[in-house]
Amino acid sequence: MDKRVALDAVGAVTGTDKSASVGNGHDYLRHYEFFFADYRDRAINLIEIGVMGGNSLKLWKWYFPRAHIVGIDIETRCLRFREERVDVLIGSQADGAFLKAVCAQYPPTIVIDDGSHMAEHIVTTFETVFPLVAPGGLYVVEDLNAHFGEGARNWQTERIYDAPGYFMQLALARVARGGNGHSAGPSSAVADVDSVTIFGGCVIVRKVGAARDPAASREAANEYARTHQMDWSARMRLALFLLEHGGRVERARKLIADVLAKHTTPEILRVHALVEMAAGDAVSAAAALAQADDSNTPEGYLQRRLEALRVQVARAQAGC
């Protein structure tokens, strides 16, 4: 079966208001389909906070045929929804120790907070559980629209948090981090946030995933090089890419040598220095760095790599 199935249609049949046509008609499921499809056939743990009538547990069991589904609720009557591949645990999302114990027993890949909707609970649950989500996993918070309008105060607790504002700040912190090393934000979780997506009353936070498969990455780059004519700048970038993804140093050296035979610029010399250091030739690396030294210091990624290289060269020259 194709991964892209009519999740909203089945959600309507099972009776969850996450669909567009049941109860409040939140219309979350057509969005979830895009986010959840990659996990559909994997043996993951999905934890949903807030069981209520058990309708969404039925949906998740159907949609994720290899997953273990865990529902959390404070009502013992929800225990009746236990069945094969579906567990229900009784406890409060305000209890951090309980949440950590659940995550230890069922390390989550997807977490859905459809619990108390109390602002403080939403924030503290996220800050407790998100660090425990698997790399590349998803953390979903539903019904944030309840925090607007006349009834908004109903969802505040003794310590007043603005839950929608919290996730907006998280998104802004992710934007600010955008490749320049900044990580300031509303929580210690910011560094692990890959993306923040908001739709309707829902937010989905994706956790930074595991490193890319280096062999597959190298093969993709080399395949492009085999089938396309590359100018000197593309050859230089390929050398750097192979270096960063565990490729053969001699291959990177050959690429840079070909480039240097026709062009000599500070940028090429900097990459040449990185390649030579990877090859264990600190003398050549230092010479290339000295030759490349000018007022136009590169920014971003290459700058950080060069800073580390200068430390390596200095240590090698000092005999460390």
C-alpha atoms as a PDB file:
ATOM      1  CA  MET A   1       0.000   0.000   0.000  1.00  0.00           C
ATOM      2  CA  ASP A   2       1.216   3.480  -0.809  1.00  0.00           C
ATOM      3  CA  LYS A   3       2.446   5.377   2.238  1.00  0.00           C
ATOM      4  CA  ARG A   4       0.227   8.300   1.340  1.00  0.00           C
ATOM      5  CA  VAL A   5      -3.144   7.013   2.449  1.00  0.00           C
ATOM      6  CA  ALA A   6      -6.349   8.832   3.280  1.00  0.00           C
ATOM      7  CA  LEU A   7      -5.534   9.259   6.947  1.00  0.00           C
ATOM      8  CA  ASP A   8      -8.278  11.825   7.411  1.00  0.00           C
ATOM      9  CA  ALA A   9     -10.902   9.461   5.992  1.00  0.00           C
ATOM     10  CA  VAL A  10      -9.967   6.638   8.346  1.00  0.00           C
ATOM     11  CA  GLY A  11      -9.777   9.129  11.213  1.00  0.00           C
ATOM     12  CA  ALA A  12     -13.365  10.100  10.492  1.00  0.00           C
ATOM     13  CA  VAL A  13     -14.437   6.444  10.583  1.00  0.00           C
ATOM     14  CA  THR A  14     -12.644   5.756  13.870  1.00  0.00           C
ATOM     15  CA  GLY A  15     -14.227   8.893  15.316  1.00  0.00           C
ATOM     16  CA  THR A  16     -11.312  11.138  16.226  1.00  0.00           C
ATOM     17  CA  ASP A  17     -11.815  14.896  16.048  1.00  0.00           C
ATOM     18  CA  LYS A  18      -8.312  15.152  14.643  1.00  0.00           C
ATOM     19  CA  SER A  19     -10.121  14.606  11.335  1.00  0.00           C
ATOM     20  CA  ALA A  20     -11.906  17.360   9.483  1.00  0.00           C
ATOM     21  CA  SER A  21     -15.383  15.912   9.879  1.00  0.00           C
ATOM     22  CA  VAL A  22     -15.742  14.725  13.495  1.00  0.00           C
ATOM     23  CA  GLY A  23     -16.574  16.854  16.523  1.00  0.00           C
ATOM     24  CA  ASN A  24     -14.594  20.073  16.448  1.00  0.00           C
ATOM     25  CA  GLY A  25     -13.162  19.071  13.084  1.00  0.00           C
ATOM     26  CA  HIS A  26      -9.587  20.112  13.839  1.00  0.00           C
ATOM     27  CA  ASP A  27      -8.379  18.915  10.420  1.00  0.00           C
ATOM     28  CA  TYR A  28      -4.972  17.791  11.660  1.00  0.00           C
ATOM     29  CA  LEU A  29      -4.796  14.444   9.877  1.00  0.00           C
ATOM     30  CA  ARG A  30      -4.268  15.671   6.333  1.00  0.00           C
ATOM     31  CA  HIS A  31      -1.189  17.480   7.632  1.00  0.00           C
ATOM     32  CA  TYR A  32      -0.031  14.522   9.716  1.00  0.00           C
ATOM     33  CA  GLU A  33      -0.071  12.387   6.592  1.00  0.00           C
ATOM     34  CA  PHE A  34       2.877  14.322   5.190  1.00  0.00           C
ATOM     35  CA  PHE A  35       4.836  14.159   8.431  1.00  0.00           C
ATOM     36  CA  PHE A  36       4.025  10.608   9.517  1.00  0.00           C
ATOM     37  CA  ALA A  37       4.333   8.753   6.190  1.00  0.00           C
ATOM     38  CA  ASP A  38       8.075   8.166   6.488  1.00  0.00           C
ATOM     39  CA  TYR A  39       7.531   6.397   9.818  1.00  0.00           C
ATOM     40  CA  ARG A  40       4.551   4.306   8.765  1.00  0.00           C
ATOM     41  CA  ASP A  41       6.316   1.003   8.182  1.00  0.00           C
ATOM     42  CA  ARG A  42       8.860   1.354  10.968  1.00  0.00           C
ATOM     43  CA  ALA A  43       8.823  -0.389  14.340  1.00  0.00           C
ATOM     44  CA  ILE A  44       8.539   2.785  16.395  1.00  0.00           C
ATOM     45  CA  ASN A  45       6.943   3.781  19.680  1.00  0.00           C
ATOM     46  CA  LEU A  46       4.226   6.412  19.471  1.00  0.00           C
ATOM     47  CA  ILE A  47       3.118   8.040  22.717  1.00  0.00           C
ATOM     48  CA  GLU A  48      -0.120   9.995  22.868  1.00  0.00           C
ATOM     49  CA  ILE A  49      -0.910  12.029  25.966  1.00  0.00           C
ATOM     50  CA  GLY A  50      -4.669  12.131  26.425  1.00  0.00           C
ATOM     51  CA  VAL A  51      -6.694   9.013  25.570  1.00  0.00           C
ATOM     52  CA  MET A  52     -10.299  10.139  26.091  1.00  0.00           C
ATOM     53  CA  GLY A  53     -12.465   7.764  24.010  1.00  0.00           C
ATOM     54  CA  GLY A  54      -9.547   5.803  22.570  1.00  0.00           C
ATOM     55  CA  ASN A  55     -10.471   6.677  18.991  1.00  0.00           C
ATOM     56  CA  SER A  56      -7.077   8.010  17.982  1.00  0.00           C
ATOM     57  CA  LEU A  57      -5.350   4.957  19.500  1.00  0.00           C
ATOM     58  CA  LYS A  58      -7.334   2.837  17.035  1.00  0.00           C
ATOM     59  CA  LEU A  59      -6.249   5.109  14.207  1.00  0.00           C
ATOM     60  CA  TRP A  60      -2.564   4.952  15.116  1.00  0.00           C
ATOM     61  CA  LYS A  61      -2.653   1.170  15.483  1.00  0.00           C
ATOM     62  CA  TRP A  62      -4.050   0.900  11.972  1.00  0.00           C
ATOM     63  CA  TYR A  63      -1.786   3.509  10.408  1.00  0.00           C
ATOM     64  CA  PHE A  64       1.436   2.230  12.000  1.00  0.00           C
ATOM     65  CA  PRO A  65       1.205  -1.577  11.586  1.00  0.00           C
ATOM     66  CA  ARG A  66       4.612  -2.245  13.172  1.00  0.00           C
ATOM     67  CA  ALA A  67       4.478   0.388  15.917  1.00  0.00           C
ATOM     68  CA  HIS A  68       3.752   0.107  19.618  1.00  0.00           C
ATOM     69  CA  ILE A  69       1.125   2.656  20.603  1.00  0.00           C
ATOM     70  CA  VAL A  70       1.135   4.053  24.158  1.00  0.00           C
ATOM     71  CA  GLY A  71      -1.671   6.170  25.562  1.00  0.00           C
ATOM     72  CA  ILE A  72      -1.279   8.243  28.736  1.00  0.00           C
ATOM     73  CA  ASP A  73      -4.243   9.428  30.764  1.00  0.00           C
ATOM     74  CA  ILE A  74      -5.210  10.228  34.354  1.00  0.00           C
ATOM     75  CA  GLU A  75      -8.490   8.303  34.065  1.00  0.00           C
ATOM     76  CA  THR A  76      -8.309   4.590  34.987  1.00  0.00           C
ATOM     77  CA  ARG A  77     -11.329   3.908  32.783  1.00  0.00           C
ATOM     78  CA  CYS A  78      -8.989   4.358  29.808  1.00  0.00           C
ATOM     79  CA  LEU A  79      -7.306   1.063  30.685  1.00  0.00           C
ATOM     80  CA  ARG A  80     -10.083  -0.671  28.758  1.00  0.00           C
ATOM     81  CA  PHE A  81      -8.477   0.475  25.517  1.00  0.00           C
ATOM     82  CA  ARG A  82      -5.463  -1.770  26.021  1.00  0.00           C
ATOM     83  CA  GLU A  83      -5.011  -4.397  23.320  1.00  0.00           C
ATOM     84  CA  GLU A  84      -2.293  -5.974  21.231  1.00  0.00           C
ATOM     85  CA  ARG A  85       0.323  -3.317  20.362  1.00  0.00           C
ATOM     86  CA  VAL A  86      -1.607  -0.722  22.388  1.00  0.00           C
ATOM     87  CA  ASP A  87      -0.746   0.030  25.991  1.00  0.00           C
ATOM     88  CA  VAL A  88      -2.431   2.565  28.261  1.00  0.00           C
ATOM     89  CA  LEU A  89      -0.601   3.964  31.277  1.00  0.00           C
ATOM     90  CA  ILE A  90      -2.235   5.938  34.057  1.00  0.00           C
ATOM     91  CA  GLY A  91      -0.433   9.054  35.214  1.00  0.00           C
ATOM     92  CA  SER A  92      -0.275  12.817  34.921  1.00  0.00           C
ATOM     93  CA  GLN A  93       1.704  14.731  32.356  1.00  0.00           C
ATOM     94  CA  ALA A  94       2.490  17.135  35.185  1.00  0.00           C
ATOM     95  CA  ASP A  95       4.564  14.340  36.756  1.00  0.00           C
ATOM     96  CA  GLY A  96       8.002  14.567  35.174  1.00  0.00           C
ATOM     97  CA  ALA A  97       9.261  11.380  36.819  1.00  0.00           C
ATOM     98  CA  PHE A  98       6.289   9.461  35.423  1.00  0.00           C
ATOM     99  CA  LEU A  99       6.900  10.798  31.912  1.00  0.00           C
ATOM    100  CA  LYS A 100      10.577   9.903  32.032  1.00  0.00           C
ATOM    101  CA  ALA A 101       9.718   6.396  33.199  1.00  0.00           C
ATOM    102  CA  VAL A 102       7.285   5.965  30.295  1.00  0.00           C
ATOM    103  CA  CYS A 103       9.903   7.159  27.812  1.00  0.00           C
ATOM    104  CA  ALA A 104      12.476   4.807  29.341  1.00  0.00           C
ATOM    105  CA  GLN A 105      10.089   1.894  28.846  1.00  0.00           C
ATOM    106  CA  TYR A 106       8.943   3.020  25.387  1.00  0.00           C
ATOM    107  CA  PRO A 107      11.594   5.285  23.818  1.00  0.00           C
ATOM    108  CA  PRO A 108       9.417   7.491  21.613  1.00  0.00           C
ATOM    109  CA  THR A 109       9.808   8.457  17.977  1.00  0.00           C
ATOM    110  CA  ILE A 110       6.490  10.324  17.823  1.00  0.00           C
ATOM    111  CA  VAL A 111       4.837  12.086  20.770  1.00  0.00           C
ATOM    112  CA  ILE A 112       1.407  13.722  20.561  1.00  0.00           C
ATOM    113  CA  ASP A 113       0.305  16.016  23.381  1.00  0.00           C
ATOM    114  CA  ASP A 114      -3.496  16.021  23.369  1.00  0.00           C
ATOM    115  CA  GLY A 115      -3.662  16.033  27.161  1.00  0.00           C
ATOM    116  CA  SER A 116      -4.770  18.620  29.676  1.00  0.00           C
ATOM    117  CA  HIS A 117      -4.185  21.595  27.321  1.00  0.00           C
ATOM    118  CA  MET A 118      -2.993  23.522  30.375  1.00  0.00           C
ATOM    119  CA  ALA A 119      -0.274  25.908  29.269  1.00  0.00           C
ATOM    120  CA  GLU A 120       2.140  24.997  32.037  1.00  0.00           C
ATOM    121  CA  HIS A 121       1.631  21.289  31.389  1.00  0.00           C
ATOM    122  CA  ILE A 122       2.254  21.756  27.668  1.00  0.00           C
ATOM    123  CA  VAL A 123       5.535  23.565  28.208  1.00  0.00           C
ATOM    124  CA  THR A 124       6.921  21.400  31.012  1.00  0.00           C
ATOM    125  CA  THR A 125       5.906  18.206  29.201  1.00  0.00           C
ATOM    126  CA  PHE A 126       7.707  19.351  26.072  1.00  0.00           C
ATOM    127  CA  GLU A 127      10.850  20.270  27.979  1.00  0.00           C
ATOM    128  CA  THR A 128      10.773  16.923  29.805  1.00  0.00           C
ATOM    129  CA  VAL A 129       9.971  14.638  26.880  1.00  0.00           C
ATOM    130  CA  PHE A 130      11.431  16.260  23.759  1.00  0.00           C
ATOM    131  CA  PRO A 131      15.036  15.511  24.795  1.00  0.00           C
ATOM    132  CA  LEU A 132      14.004  11.828  25.022  1.00  0.00           C
ATOM    133  CA  VAL A 133      12.516  11.654  21.515  1.00  0.00           C
ATOM    134  CA  ALA A 134      14.562   9.635  19.025  1.00  0.00           C
ATOM    135  CA  PRO A 135      16.742  11.571  16.557  1.00  0.00           C
ATOM    136  CA  GLY A 136      14.622  12.626  13.609  1.00  0.00           C
ATOM    137  CA  GLY A 137      11.440  12.083  15.624  1.00  0.00           C
ATOM    138  CA  LEU A 138       8.384  14.314  15.937  1.00  0.00           C
ATOM    139  CA  TYR A 139       6.766  16.090  18.872  1.00  0.00           C
ATOM    140  CA  VAL A 140       3.186  17.255  18.258  1.00  0.00           C
ATOM    141  CA  VAL A 141       1.144  19.667  20.376  1.00  0.00           C
ATOM    142  CA  GLU A 142      -2.541  19.932  19.578  1.00  0.00           C
ATOM    143  CA  ASP A 143      -5.323  22.425  20.243  1.00  0.00           C
ATOM    144  CA  LEU A 144      -3.233  25.515  20.911  1.00  0.00           C
ATOM    145  CA  ASN A 145      -6.120  27.493  19.439  1.00  0.00           C
ATOM    146  CA  ALA A 146      -7.857  26.960  22.806  1.00  0.00           C
ATOM    147  CA  HIS A 147      -5.447  29.538  24.234  1.00  0.00           C
ATOM    148  CA  PHE A 148      -7.089  32.358  22.299  1.00  0.00           C
ATOM    149  CA  GLY A 149     -10.362  34.158  22.838  1.00  0.00           C
ATOM    150  CA  GLU A 150     -12.618  34.402  25.869  1.00  0.00           C
ATOM    151  CA  GLY A 151     -11.815  30.926  27.210  1.00  0.00           C
ATOM    152  CA  ALA A 152      -8.045  31.323  27.038  1.00  0.00           C
ATOM    153  CA  ARG A 153      -7.666  31.841  30.797  1.00  0.00           C
ATOM    154  CA  ASN A 154      -9.174  28.420  31.399  1.00  0.00           C
ATOM    155  CA  TRP A 155      -5.948  26.878  30.160  1.00  0.00           C
ATOM    156  CA  GLN A 156      -3.607  28.803  32.432  1.00  0.00           C
ATOM    157  CA  THR A 157      -2.396  27.342  35.709  1.00  0.00           C
ATOM    158  CA  GLU A 158      -0.793  28.832  38.814  1.00  0.00           C
ATOM    159  CA  ARG A 159       2.358  29.622  36.882  1.00  0.00           C
ATOM    160  CA  ILE A 160       1.154  31.399  33.779  1.00  0.00           C
ATOM    161  CA  TYR A 161       2.778  30.299  30.531  1.00  0.00           C
ATOM    162  CA  ASP A 162       1.801  31.448  27.081  1.00  0.00           C
ATOM    163  CA  ALA A 163       1.985  28.080  25.340  1.00  0.00           C
ATOM    164  CA  PRO A 164       1.440  29.323  21.751  1.00  0.00           C
ATOM    165  CA  GLY A 165       3.984  32.071  22.380  1.00  0.00           C
ATOM    166  CA  TYR A 166       6.458  29.521  23.686  1.00  0.00           C
ATOM    167  CA  PHE A 167       6.430  27.614  20.408  1.00  0.00           C
ATOM    168  CA  MET A 168       6.530  30.803  18.371  1.00  0.00           C
ATOM    169  CA  GLN A 169       9.667  31.756  20.284  1.00  0.00           C
ATOM    170  CA  LEU A 170      11.038  28.272  19.660  1.00  0.00           C
ATOM    171  CA  ALA A 171      10.469  28.772  15.939  1.00  0.00           C
ATOM    172  CA  LEU A 172      12.138  32.188  16.034  1.00  0.00           C
ATOM    173  CA  ALA A 173      15.090  30.728  17.911  1.00  0.00           C
ATOM    174  CA  ARG A 174      15.441  28.094  15.192  1.00  0.00           C
ATOM    175  CA  VAL A 175      15.414  30.809  12.540  1.00  0.00           C
ATOM    176  CA  ALA A 176      18.047  32.790  14.437  1.00  0.00           C
ATOM    177  CA  ARG A 177      20.238  29.711  14.714  1.00  0.00           C
ATOM    178  CA  GLY A 178      20.009  29.119  10.935  1.00  0.00           C
ATOM    179  CA  GLY A 179      23.617  28.146  10.290  1.00  0.00           C
ATOM    180  CA  ASN A 180      25.372  30.890  12.239  1.00  0.00           C
ATOM    181  CA  GLY A 181      25.754  29.056  15.519  1.00  0.00           C
ATOM    182  CA  HIS A 182      23.139  30.964  17.519  1.00  0.00           C
ATOM    183  CA  SER A 183      21.023  28.813  19.822  1.00  0.00           C
ATOM    184  CA  ALA A 184      19.301  31.246  22.149  1.00  0.00           C
ATOM    185  CA  GLY A 185      15.680  30.396  22.756  1.00  0.00           C
ATOM    186  CA  PRO A 186      12.983  29.524  25.258  1.00  0.00           C
ATOM    187  CA  SER A 187      14.457  26.198  26.312  1.00  0.00           C
ATOM    188  CA  SER A 188      17.521  24.009  26.355  1.00  0.00           C
ATOM    189  CA  ALA A 189      15.840  21.949  23.615  1.00  0.00           C
ATOM    190  CA  VAL A 190      16.564  24.519  20.892  1.00  0.00           C
ATOM    191  CA  ALA A 191      19.836  22.950  19.826  1.00  0.00           C
ATOM    192  CA  ASP A 192      18.001  19.698  19.026  1.00  0.00           C
ATOM    193  CA  VAL A 193      15.206  21.348  17.035  1.00  0.00           C
ATOM    194  CA  ASP A 194      15.411  20.719  13.307  1.00  0.00           C
ATOM    195  CA  SER A 195      12.158  22.427  12.333  1.00  0.00           C
ATOM    196  CA  VAL A 196       8.967  23.911  13.762  1.00  0.00           C
ATOM    197  CA  THR A 197       5.775  23.680  11.691  1.00  0.00           C
ATOM    198  CA  ILE A 198       2.531  25.390  12.678  1.00  0.00           C
ATOM    199  CA  PHE A 199      -0.906  24.804  11.167  1.00  0.00           C
ATOM    200  CA  GLY A 200      -4.325  25.494  12.616  1.00  0.00           C
ATOM    201  CA  GLY A 201      -4.101  24.942  16.355  1.00  0.00           C
ATOM    202  CA  CYS A 202      -1.238  22.484  16.028  1.00  0.00           C
ATOM    203  CA  VAL A 203       2.555  22.608  16.122  1.00  0.00           C
ATOM    204  CA  ILE A 204       4.965  19.866  15.059  1.00  0.00           C
ATOM    205  CA  VAL A 205       8.566  20.048  16.236  1.00  0.00           C
ATOM    206  CA  ARG A 206      10.993  17.781  14.411  1.00  0.00           C
ATOM    207  CA  LYS A 207      14.114  16.714  16.256  1.00  0.00           C
ATOM    208  CA  VAL A 208      17.497  16.841  14.571  1.00  0.00           C
ATOM    209  CA  GLY A 209      18.043  13.499  12.877  1.00  0.00           C
ATOM    210  CA  ALA A 210      20.911  11.075  12.813  1.00  0.00           C
ATOM    211  CA  ALA A 211      23.817  11.873  10.524  1.00  0.00           C
ATOM    212  CA  ARG A 212      23.300  11.184   6.844  1.00  0.00           C
ATOM    213  CA  ASP A 213      24.593   7.907   5.467  1.00  0.00           C
ATOM    214  CA  PRO A 214      28.119   8.953   4.418  1.00  0.00           C
ATOM    215  CA  ALA A 215      28.499   6.186   1.837  1.00  0.00           C
ATOM    216  CA  ALA A 216      25.217   7.094   0.157  1.00  0.00           C
ATOM    217  CA  SER A 217      26.154  10.782   0.251  1.00  0.00           C
ATOM    218  CA  ARG A 218      29.530  10.108  -1.385  1.00  0.00           C
ATOM    219  CA  GLU A 219      27.935   7.937  -4.057  1.00  0.00           C
ATOM    220  CA  ALA A 220      25.401  10.636  -4.915  1.00  0.00           C
ATOM    221  CA  ALA A 221      28.139  13.268  -5.237  1.00  0.00           C
ATOM    222  CA  ASN A 222      30.388  10.991  -7.303  1.00  0.00           C
ATOM    223  CA  GLU A 223      27.502   9.956  -9.560  1.00  0.00           C
ATOM    224  CA  TYR A 224      26.804  13.603 -10.315  1.00  0.00           C
ATOM    225  CA  ALA A 225      30.500  14.134 -11.056  1.00  0.00           C
ATOM    226  CA  ARG A 226      30.526  11.164 -13.441  1.00  0.00           C
ATOM    227  CA  THR A 227      27.519  12.372 -15.417  1.00  0.00           C
ATOM    228  CA  HIS A 228      28.044  16.135 -15.489  1.00  0.00           C
ATOM    229  CA  GLN A 229      30.765  18.427 -16.704  1.00  0.00           C
ATOM    230  CA  MET A 230      32.095  20.321 -13.688  1.00  0.00           C
ATOM    231  CA  ASP A 231      33.942  23.609 -13.626  1.00  0.00           C
ATOM    232  CA  TRP A 232      36.803  24.298 -11.211  1.00  0.00           C
ATOM    233  CA  SER A 233      34.535  25.555  -8.411  1.00  0.00           C
ATOM    234  CA  ALA A 234      32.393  22.403  -8.540  1.00  0.00           C
ATOM    235  CA  ARG A 235      35.536  20.248  -8.374  1.00  0.00           C
ATOM    236  CA  MET A 236      36.726  22.192  -5.353  1.00  0.00           C
ATOM    237  CA  ARG A 237      33.389  21.761  -3.604  1.00  0.00           C
ATOM    238  CA  LEU A 238      33.339  18.044  -4.425  1.00  0.00           C
ATOM    239  CA  ALA A 239      36.771  17.660  -2.841  1.00  0.00           C
ATOM    240  CA  LEU A 240      35.563  19.377   0.323  1.00  0.00           C
ATOM    241  CA  PHE A 241      32.358  17.342   0.385  1.00  0.00           C
ATOM    242  CA  LEU A 242      34.217  14.043   0.041  1.00  0.00           C
ATOM    243  CA  LEU A 243      36.563  15.122   2.790  1.00  0.00           C
ATOM    244  CA  GLU A 244      33.647  15.866   5.117  1.00  0.00           C
ATOM    245  CA  HIS A 245      31.892  12.576   4.375  1.00  0.00           C
ATOM    246  CA  GLY A 246      34.741  10.113   4.757  1.00  0.00           C
ATOM    247  CA  GLY A 247      35.774   9.908   1.113  1.00  0.00           C
ATOM    248  CA  ARG A 248      39.249   8.936  -0.040  1.00  0.00           C
ATOM    249  CA  VAL A 249      41.698  11.706   0.745  1.00  0.00           C
ATOM    250  CA  GLU A 250      43.707  10.913  -2.388  1.00  0.00           C
ATOM    251  CA  ARG A 251      40.599  11.489  -4.505  1.00  0.00           C
ATOM    252  CA  ALA A 252      40.110  14.898  -2.860  1.00  0.00           C
ATOM    253  CA  ARG A 253      43.807  15.678  -3.356  1.00  0.00           C
ATOM    254  CA  LYS A 254      43.595  14.834  -7.065  1.00  0.00           C
ATOM    255  CA  LEU A 255      40.560  17.073  -7.508  1.00  0.00           C
ATOM    256  CA  ILE A 256      42.295  20.021  -5.808  1.00  0.00           C
ATOM    257  CA  ALA A 257      45.501  19.438  -7.771  1.00  0.00           C
ATOM    258  CA  ASP A 258      43.502  19.609 -11.006  1.00  0.00           C
ATOM    259  CA  VAL A 259      41.933  22.873  -9.878  1.00  0.00           C
ATOM    260  CA  LEU A 260      45.216  24.412  -8.729  1.00  0.00           C
ATOM    261  CA  ALA A 261      46.771  23.632 -12.119  1.00  0.00           C
ATOM    262  CA  LYS A 262      44.496  26.282 -13.644  1.00  0.00           C
ATOM    263  CA  HIS A 263      43.306  28.525 -10.795  1.00  0.00           C
ATOM    264  CA  THR A 264      44.761  29.863  -7.571  1.00  0.00           C
ATOM    265  CA  THR A 265      42.426  31.807  -5.325  1.00  0.00           C
ATOM    266  CA  PRO A 266      42.275  32.186  -1.531  1.00  0.00           C
ATOM    267  CA  GLU A 267      39.174  29.972  -1.446  1.00  0.00           C
ATOM    268  CA  ILE A 268      40.871  27.145  -3.363  1.00  0.00           C
ATOM    269  CA  LEU A 269      43.969  27.425  -1.188  1.00  0.00           C
ATOM    270  CA  ARG A 270      41.882  27.171   1.971  1.00  0.00           C
ATOM    271  CA  VAL A 271      40.248  23.965   0.764  1.00  0.00           C
ATOM    272  CA  HIS A 272      43.686  22.752  -0.327  1.00  0.00           C
ATOM    273  CA  ALA A 273      44.903  23.326   3.230  1.00  0.00           C
ATOM    274  CA  LEU A 274      42.021  21.287   4.646  1.00  0.00           C
ATOM    275  CA  VAL A 275      42.747  18.436   2.247  1.00  0.00           C
ATOM    276  CA  GLU A 276      46.459  18.432   3.021  1.00  0.00           C
ATOM    277  CA  MET A 277      45.817  18.354   6.742  1.00  0.00           C
ATOM    278  CA  ALA A 278      43.469  15.417   6.259  1.00  0.00           C
ATOM    279  CA  ALA A 279      46.290  13.711   4.391  1.00  0.00           C
ATOM    280  CA  GLY A 280      48.566  14.289   7.379  1.00  0.00           C
ATOM    281  CA  ASP A 281      50.770  16.896   5.701  1.00  0.00           C
ATOM    282  CA  ALA A 282      50.745  19.766   8.187  1.00  0.00           C
ATOM    283  CA  VAL A 283      53.615  21.529   6.407  1.00  0.00           C
ATOM    284  CA  SER A 284      51.717  21.759   3.114  1.00  0.00           C
ATOM    285  CA  ALA A 285      48.555  22.735   4.977  1.00  0.00           C
ATOM    286  CA  ALA A 286      50.361  25.567   6.767  1.00  0.00           C
ATOM    287  CA  ALA A 287      51.899  26.777   3.497  1.00  0.00           C
ATOM    288  CA  ALA A 288      48.507  26.823   1.774  1.00  0.00           C
ATOM    289  CA  LEU A 289      46.964  28.701   4.683  1.00  0.00           C
ATOM    290  CA  ALA A 290      49.738  31.294   4.626  1.00  0.00           C
ATOM    291  CA  GLN A 291      49.350  31.753   0.880  1.00  0.00           C
ATOM    292  CA  ALA A 292      45.561  32.090   1.216  1.00  0.00           C
ATOM    293  CA  ASP A 293      45.723  34.602   4.055  1.00  0.00           C
ATOM    294  CA  ASP A 294      43.976  37.813   2.989  1.00  0.00           C
ATOM    295  CA  SER A 295      41.419  40.277   4.264  1.00  0.00           C
ATOM    296  CA  ASN A 296      38.427  38.441   2.782  1.00  0.00           C
ATOM    297  CA  THR A 297      37.842  35.962   5.570  1.00  0.00           C
ATOM    298  CA  PRO A 298      35.164  33.401   4.646  1.00  0.00           C
ATOM    299  CA  GLU A 299      32.029  33.189   6.737  1.00  0.00           C
ATOM    300  CA  GLY A 300      29.890  30.402   8.093  1.00  0.00           C
ATOM    301  CA  TYR A 301      30.764  26.760   7.622  1.00  0.00           C
ATOM    302  CA  LEU A 302      34.171  27.163   5.962  1.00  0.00           C
ATOM    303  CA  GLN A 303      35.243  29.733   8.538  1.00  0.00           C
ATOM    304  CA  ARG A 304      34.558  27.287  11.367  1.00  0.00           C
ATOM    305  CA  ARG A 305      36.458  24.517   9.565  1.00  0.00           C
ATOM    306  CA  LEU A 306      39.418  26.824   8.999  1.00  0.00           C
ATOM    307  CA  GLU A 307      39.499  27.904  12.620  1.00  0.00           C
ATOM    308  CA  ALA A 308      39.764  24.265  13.650  1.00  0.00           C
ATOM    309  CA  LEU A 309      42.419  23.697  10.972  1.00  0.00           C
ATOM    310  CA  ARG A 310      44.567  26.567  12.244  1.00  0.00           C
ATOM    311  CA  VAL A 311      44.521  24.995  15.704  1.00  0.00           C
ATOM    312  CA  GLN A 312      45.560  21.643  14.205  1.00  0.00           C
ATOM    313  CA  VAL A 313      48.385  23.240  12.219  1.00  0.00           C
ATOM    314  CA  ALA A 314      49.654  25.142  15.250  1.00  0.00           C
ATOM    315  CA  ARG A 315      49.696  21.979  17.344  1.00  0.00           C
ATOM    316  CA  ALA A 316      51.501  20.051  14.616  1.00  0.00           C
ATOM    317  CA  GLN A 317      54.098  22.779  14.262  1.00  0.00           C
ATOM    318  CA  ALA A 318      54.570  22.792  18.035  1.00  0.00           C
ATOM    319  CA  GLY A 319      55.067  19.034  18.011  1.00  0.00           C
ATOM    320  CA  CYS A 320      51.946  18.361  20.151  1.00  0.00           C
END
